[in-house]
C-alpha atoms as a PDB file:
ATOM      1  CA  MET A   1    -168.677  60.948  40.843  1.00  0.00           C
ATOM      2  CA  ALA A   2    -169.523  63.723  38.434  1.00  0.00           C
ATOM      3  CA  LEU A   3    -167.543  66.938  38.497  1.00  0.00           C
ATOM      4  CA  THR A   4    -169.121  70.136  37.375  1.00  0.00           C
ATOM      5  CA  GLN A   5    -167.280  73.275  36.598  1.00  0.00           C
ATOM      6  CA  ASN A   6    -168.849  76.698  36.802  1.00  0.00           C
ATOM      7  CA  PHE A   7    -167.088  79.507  35.057  1.00  0.00           C
ATOM      8  CA  SER A   8    -168.624  82.935  35.360  1.00  0.00           C
ATOM      9  CA  PHE A   9    -167.110  85.697  33.323  1.00  0.00           C
ATOM     10  CA  GLY A  10    -169.224  88.771  33.604  1.00  0.00           C
ATOM     11  CA  GLN A  11    -169.148  92.409  34.394  1.00  0.00           C
ATOM     12  CA  LYS A  12    -171.150  94.047  37.095  1.00  0.00           C
ATOM     13  CA  GLN A  13    -172.363  97.510  36.516  1.00  0.00           C
ATOM     14  CA  ALA A  14    -173.622  99.830  39.222  1.00  0.00           C
ATOM     15  CA  GLN A  15    -175.365 103.122  38.775  1.00  0.00           C
ATOM     16  CA  ALA A  16    -175.417 105.927  41.312  1.00  0.00           C
ATOM     17  CA  GLN A  17    -177.311 109.159  41.301  1.00  0.00           C
ATOM     18  CA  LYS A  18    -175.971 112.200  43.114  1.00  0.00           C
ATOM     19  CA  LEU A  19    -177.470 115.632  43.617  1.00  0.00           C
ATOM     20  CA  VAL A  20    -175.059 118.515  43.199  1.00  0.00           C
ATOM     21  CA  LEU A  21    -176.089 121.970  44.355  1.00  0.00           C
ATOM     22  CA  THR A  22    -174.640 124.803  42.317  1.00  0.00           C
ATOM     23  CA  GLN A  23    -173.759 128.143  43.863  1.00  0.00           C
ATOM     24  CA  GLY A  24    -176.917 129.644  42.360  1.00  0.00           C
ATOM     25  CA  MET A  25    -179.082 126.920  43.899  1.00  0.00           C
ATOM     26  CA  ARG A  26    -177.484 127.449  47.301  1.00  0.00           C
ATOM     27  CA  GLN A  27    -178.099 131.192  47.069  1.00  0.00           C
ATOM     28  CA  SER A  28    -181.713 130.629  46.041  1.00  0.00           C
ATOM     29  CA  ILE A  29    -182.325 128.346  49.016  1.00  0.00           C
ATOM     30  CA  LEU A  30    -180.744 130.905  51.342  1.00  0.00           C
ATOM     31  CA  VAL A  31    -182.843 133.795  49.994  1.00  0.00           C
ATOM     32  CA  LEU A  32    -186.090 131.818  50.128  1.00  0.00           C
ATOM     33  CA  GLN A  33    -185.548 131.065  53.821  1.00  0.00           C
ATOM     34  CA  LEU A  34    -185.037 134.705  54.846  1.00  0.00           C
ATOM     35  CA  ASP A  35    -187.743 136.735  56.526  1.00  0.00           C
ATOM     36  CA  THR A  36    -188.476 140.312  55.391  1.00  0.00           C
ATOM     37  CA  ILE A  37    -186.004 142.088  57.662  1.00  0.00           C
ATOM     38  CA  ASP A  38    -183.162 139.663  56.937  1.00  0.00           C
ATOM     39  CA  LEU A  39    -183.929 139.785  53.216  1.00  0.00           C
ATOM     40  CA  ALA A  40    -183.711 143.600  53.245  1.00  0.00           C
ATOM     41  CA  ALA A  41    -180.345 143.409  55.029  1.00  0.00           C
ATOM     42  CA  TYR A  42    -179.087 140.753  52.610  1.00  0.00           C
ATOM     43  CA  LEU A  43    -180.097 142.843  49.598  1.00  0.00           C
ATOM     44  CA  GLN A  44    -178.505 145.940  51.143  1.00  0.00           C
ATOM     45  CA  ASP A  45    -175.227 144.026  51.567  1.00  0.00           C
ATOM     46  CA  LEU A  46    -175.403 142.888  47.935  1.00  0.00           C
ATOM     47  CA  SER A  47    -175.957 146.441  46.743  1.00  0.00           C
ATOM     48  CA  LEU A  48    -172.811 147.635  48.552  1.00  0.00           C
ATOM     49  CA  GLY A  49    -170.685 145.196  46.600  1.00  0.00           C
ATOM     50  CA  ASN A  50    -172.366 145.708  43.221  1.00  0.00           C
ATOM     51  CA  PRO A  51    -172.825 149.257  41.845  1.00  0.00           C
ATOM     52  CA  LEU A  52    -175.387 148.020  39.287  1.00  0.00           C
ATOM     53  CA  PHE A  53    -177.614 146.603  42.015  1.00  0.00           C
ATOM     54  CA  ASP A  54    -179.824 149.330  43.476  1.00  0.00           C
ATOM     55  CA  VAL A  55    -182.026 148.958  46.541  1.00  0.00           C
ATOM     56  CA  LYS A  56    -184.811 151.497  46.856  1.00  0.00           C
ATOM     57  CA  ARG A  57    -185.893 152.316  50.353  1.00  0.00           C
ATOM     58  CA  GLY A  58    -189.454 153.028  51.389  1.00  0.00           C
ATOM     59  CA  TRP A  59    -191.051 150.490  49.084  1.00  0.00           C
ATOM     60  CA  THR A  60    -194.459 149.376  50.246  1.00  0.00           C
ATOM     61  CA  HIS A  61    -196.571 146.658  48.788  1.00  0.00           C
ATOM     62  CA  PRO A  62    -199.903 147.578  47.240  1.00  0.00           C
ATOM     63  CA  VAL A  63    -203.011 147.073  49.283  1.00  0.00           C
ATOM     64  CA  TRP A  64    -205.092 144.278  47.836  1.00  0.00           C
ATOM     65  CA  ARG A  65    -208.801 144.883  48.022  1.00  0.00           C
ATOM     66  CA  ARG A  66    -211.546 142.514  47.198  1.00  0.00           C
ATOM     67  CA  PRO A  67    -214.134 143.854  44.777  1.00  0.00           C
END
């Protein structure tokens, strides 16, 4: 009867990938999902907390005309 011995000395290595959202990314996602009215309200709230951030009222977009 033959006896065999198996010795396995090895290291296993696993790799994982994880997505981390920064605060700036979260804010960008939030802003991109807002409609016009909610975006105006969000920007108005930001301007109240930051004196360097100015929101001008009465802005209208230019009318695009085809030539």
